[in-house]
N, C-alpha and C. Protein backbone atom coordinates (compact mmCIF):
# COMPACT_ATOMS: atom_id res chain seq x y z
N UNK A 1 52.24 -6.69 49.27
CA UNK A 1 51.05 -6.69 48.47
C UNK A 1 50.96 -5.39 47.68
N UNK A 2 50.87 -5.48 46.38
CA UNK A 2 50.87 -4.30 45.52
C UNK A 2 49.50 -3.64 45.50
N UNK A 3 49.51 -2.35 45.24
CA UNK A 3 48.26 -1.61 45.10
C UNK A 3 47.56 -2.04 43.82
N UNK A 4 46.26 -2.08 43.86
CA UNK A 4 45.48 -2.52 42.71
C UNK A 4 45.46 -1.44 41.63
N UNK A 5 45.62 -1.85 40.38
CA UNK A 5 45.50 -0.92 39.26
C UNK A 5 44.03 -0.59 38.97
N UNK A 6 43.12 -1.35 39.58
CA UNK A 6 41.71 -1.08 39.41
C UNK A 6 41.30 0.18 40.17
N UNK A 7 42.00 0.47 41.27
CA UNK A 7 41.72 1.66 42.08
C UNK A 7 42.96 2.54 42.18
N UNK A 8 43.27 3.29 41.12
CA UNK A 8 44.48 4.12 41.16
C UNK A 8 44.29 5.38 42.00
N UNK A 9 45.39 5.94 42.46
CA UNK A 9 45.37 7.20 43.19
C UNK A 9 45.29 8.32 42.15
N UNK A 10 44.35 9.24 42.33
CA UNK A 10 44.19 10.37 41.42
C UNK A 10 44.28 11.67 42.19
N UNK A 11 44.75 12.71 41.51
CA UNK A 11 44.86 14.03 42.11
C UNK A 11 43.73 14.89 41.57
N UNK A 12 42.99 15.54 42.46
CA UNK A 12 41.89 16.42 42.09
C UNK A 12 42.35 17.86 42.26
N UNK A 13 42.31 18.65 41.18
CA UNK A 13 42.75 20.04 41.22
C UNK A 13 41.55 20.97 41.14
N UNK A 14 41.60 22.05 41.89
CA UNK A 14 40.50 23.01 41.97
C UNK A 14 40.32 23.74 40.64
N UNK A 15 39.05 23.96 40.26
CA UNK A 15 38.76 24.72 39.05
C UNK A 15 38.73 26.21 39.33
N UNK A 16 38.90 26.61 40.60
CA UNK A 16 38.90 28.03 40.95
C UNK A 16 40.24 28.68 40.61
N UNK A 17 41.23 27.88 40.23
CA UNK A 17 42.51 28.44 39.85
C UNK A 17 43.45 28.74 41.00
N UNK A 18 43.16 28.18 42.17
CA UNK A 18 43.99 28.44 43.34
C UNK A 18 45.17 27.47 43.43
N UNK A 19 45.09 26.36 42.71
CA UNK A 19 46.16 25.36 42.77
C UNK A 19 46.00 24.36 43.89
N UNK A 20 44.91 24.45 44.65
CA UNK A 20 44.68 23.53 45.75
C UNK A 20 44.29 22.16 45.20
N UNK A 21 44.79 21.09 45.83
CA UNK A 21 44.51 19.74 45.35
C UNK A 21 44.05 18.83 46.49
N UNK A 22 43.27 17.83 46.13
CA UNK A 22 42.93 16.71 47.00
C UNK A 22 43.47 15.46 46.34
N UNK A 23 43.80 14.45 47.13
CA UNK A 23 44.23 13.16 46.60
C UNK A 23 43.24 12.11 47.06
N UNK A 24 42.77 11.29 46.12
CA UNK A 24 41.79 10.26 46.43
C UNK A 24 42.03 9.05 45.54
N UNK A 25 41.24 8.02 45.74
CA UNK A 25 41.31 6.82 44.90
C UNK A 25 39.98 6.69 44.17
N UNK A 26 40.02 6.13 42.97
CA UNK A 26 38.78 5.95 42.23
C UNK A 26 38.72 4.56 41.65
N UNK A 27 37.51 4.10 41.39
CA UNK A 27 37.30 2.80 40.79
C UNK A 27 37.20 2.98 39.28
N UNK A 28 38.14 2.43 38.54
CA UNK A 28 38.13 2.58 37.08
C UNK A 28 36.97 1.87 36.42
N UNK A 29 36.48 0.82 37.06
CA UNK A 29 35.38 0.06 36.46
C UNK A 29 34.09 0.87 36.44
N UNK A 30 33.82 1.64 37.50
CA UNK A 30 32.58 2.41 37.56
C UNK A 30 32.76 3.86 37.12
N UNK A 31 33.96 4.42 37.24
CA UNK A 31 34.24 5.81 36.86
C UNK A 31 35.35 5.84 35.82
N UNK A 32 35.01 5.46 34.60
CA UNK A 32 36.02 5.42 33.55
C UNK A 32 36.42 6.83 33.10
N UNK A 33 35.48 7.77 33.17
CA UNK A 33 35.77 9.15 32.78
C UNK A 33 36.54 9.86 33.88
N UNK A 34 36.94 11.09 33.59
CA UNK A 34 37.62 11.86 34.62
C UNK A 34 36.64 12.22 35.73
N UNK A 35 37.12 12.10 36.94
CA UNK A 35 36.30 12.31 38.13
C UNK A 35 36.13 13.81 38.38
N UNK A 36 34.91 14.23 38.71
CA UNK A 36 34.63 15.62 39.09
C UNK A 36 33.84 15.57 40.39
N UNK A 37 34.38 16.19 41.44
CA UNK A 37 33.72 16.24 42.74
C UNK A 37 33.61 17.69 43.20
N UNK A 38 32.54 18.01 43.88
CA UNK A 38 32.37 19.34 44.43
C UNK A 38 32.85 19.30 45.88
N UNK A 39 33.97 20.00 46.15
CA UNK A 39 34.58 19.97 47.47
C UNK A 39 34.95 21.38 47.89
N UNK A 40 35.34 21.53 49.15
CA UNK A 40 35.69 22.84 49.70
C UNK A 40 37.12 23.21 49.33
N UNK A 41 37.30 24.42 48.82
CA UNK A 41 38.63 24.96 48.51
C UNK A 41 38.95 26.02 49.56
N UNK A 42 39.86 25.74 50.49
CA UNK A 42 40.16 26.70 51.56
C UNK A 42 40.82 27.97 51.05
N UNK A 43 41.51 27.92 49.93
CA UNK A 43 42.13 29.12 49.38
C UNK A 43 41.06 30.07 48.83
N UNK A 44 40.02 29.52 48.20
CA UNK A 44 38.93 30.33 47.66
C UNK A 44 37.83 30.54 48.70
N UNK A 45 37.86 29.76 49.77
CA UNK A 45 36.89 29.80 50.87
C UNK A 45 35.46 29.57 50.40
N UNK A 46 35.29 28.59 49.52
CA UNK A 46 33.97 28.19 49.06
C UNK A 46 34.06 26.82 48.41
N UNK A 47 32.93 26.22 48.12
CA UNK A 47 32.87 24.93 47.44
C UNK A 47 32.98 25.15 45.94
N UNK A 48 33.85 24.39 45.30
CA UNK A 48 34.03 24.49 43.85
C UNK A 48 34.20 23.07 43.31
N UNK A 49 34.14 22.94 41.99
CA UNK A 49 34.39 21.65 41.34
C UNK A 49 35.88 21.35 41.35
N UNK A 50 36.20 20.11 41.66
CA UNK A 50 37.57 19.62 41.58
C UNK A 50 37.60 18.56 40.49
N UNK A 51 38.49 18.71 39.51
CA UNK A 51 38.57 17.78 38.39
C UNK A 51 39.83 16.94 38.49
N UNK A 52 39.70 15.71 38.04
CA UNK A 52 40.83 14.79 38.05
C UNK A 52 41.87 15.25 37.03
N UNK A 53 43.12 15.26 37.46
CA UNK A 53 44.20 15.55 36.52
C UNK A 53 45.09 14.33 36.43
N UNK A 54 45.71 14.15 35.27
CA UNK A 54 46.52 12.95 35.06
C UNK A 54 47.97 13.30 34.94
């Protein structure tokens, strides 16, 4: 069974410039724009915005 193209795997990169990434899935139907989540960056030791990279 193939993975759905409706929910692709995206990589979230830290805006703090540390290079830390999270990997998640998103729904293209509801989140057509680039995803931005506020998550913990262990390299910066604080919560920062993580933006979707393609």
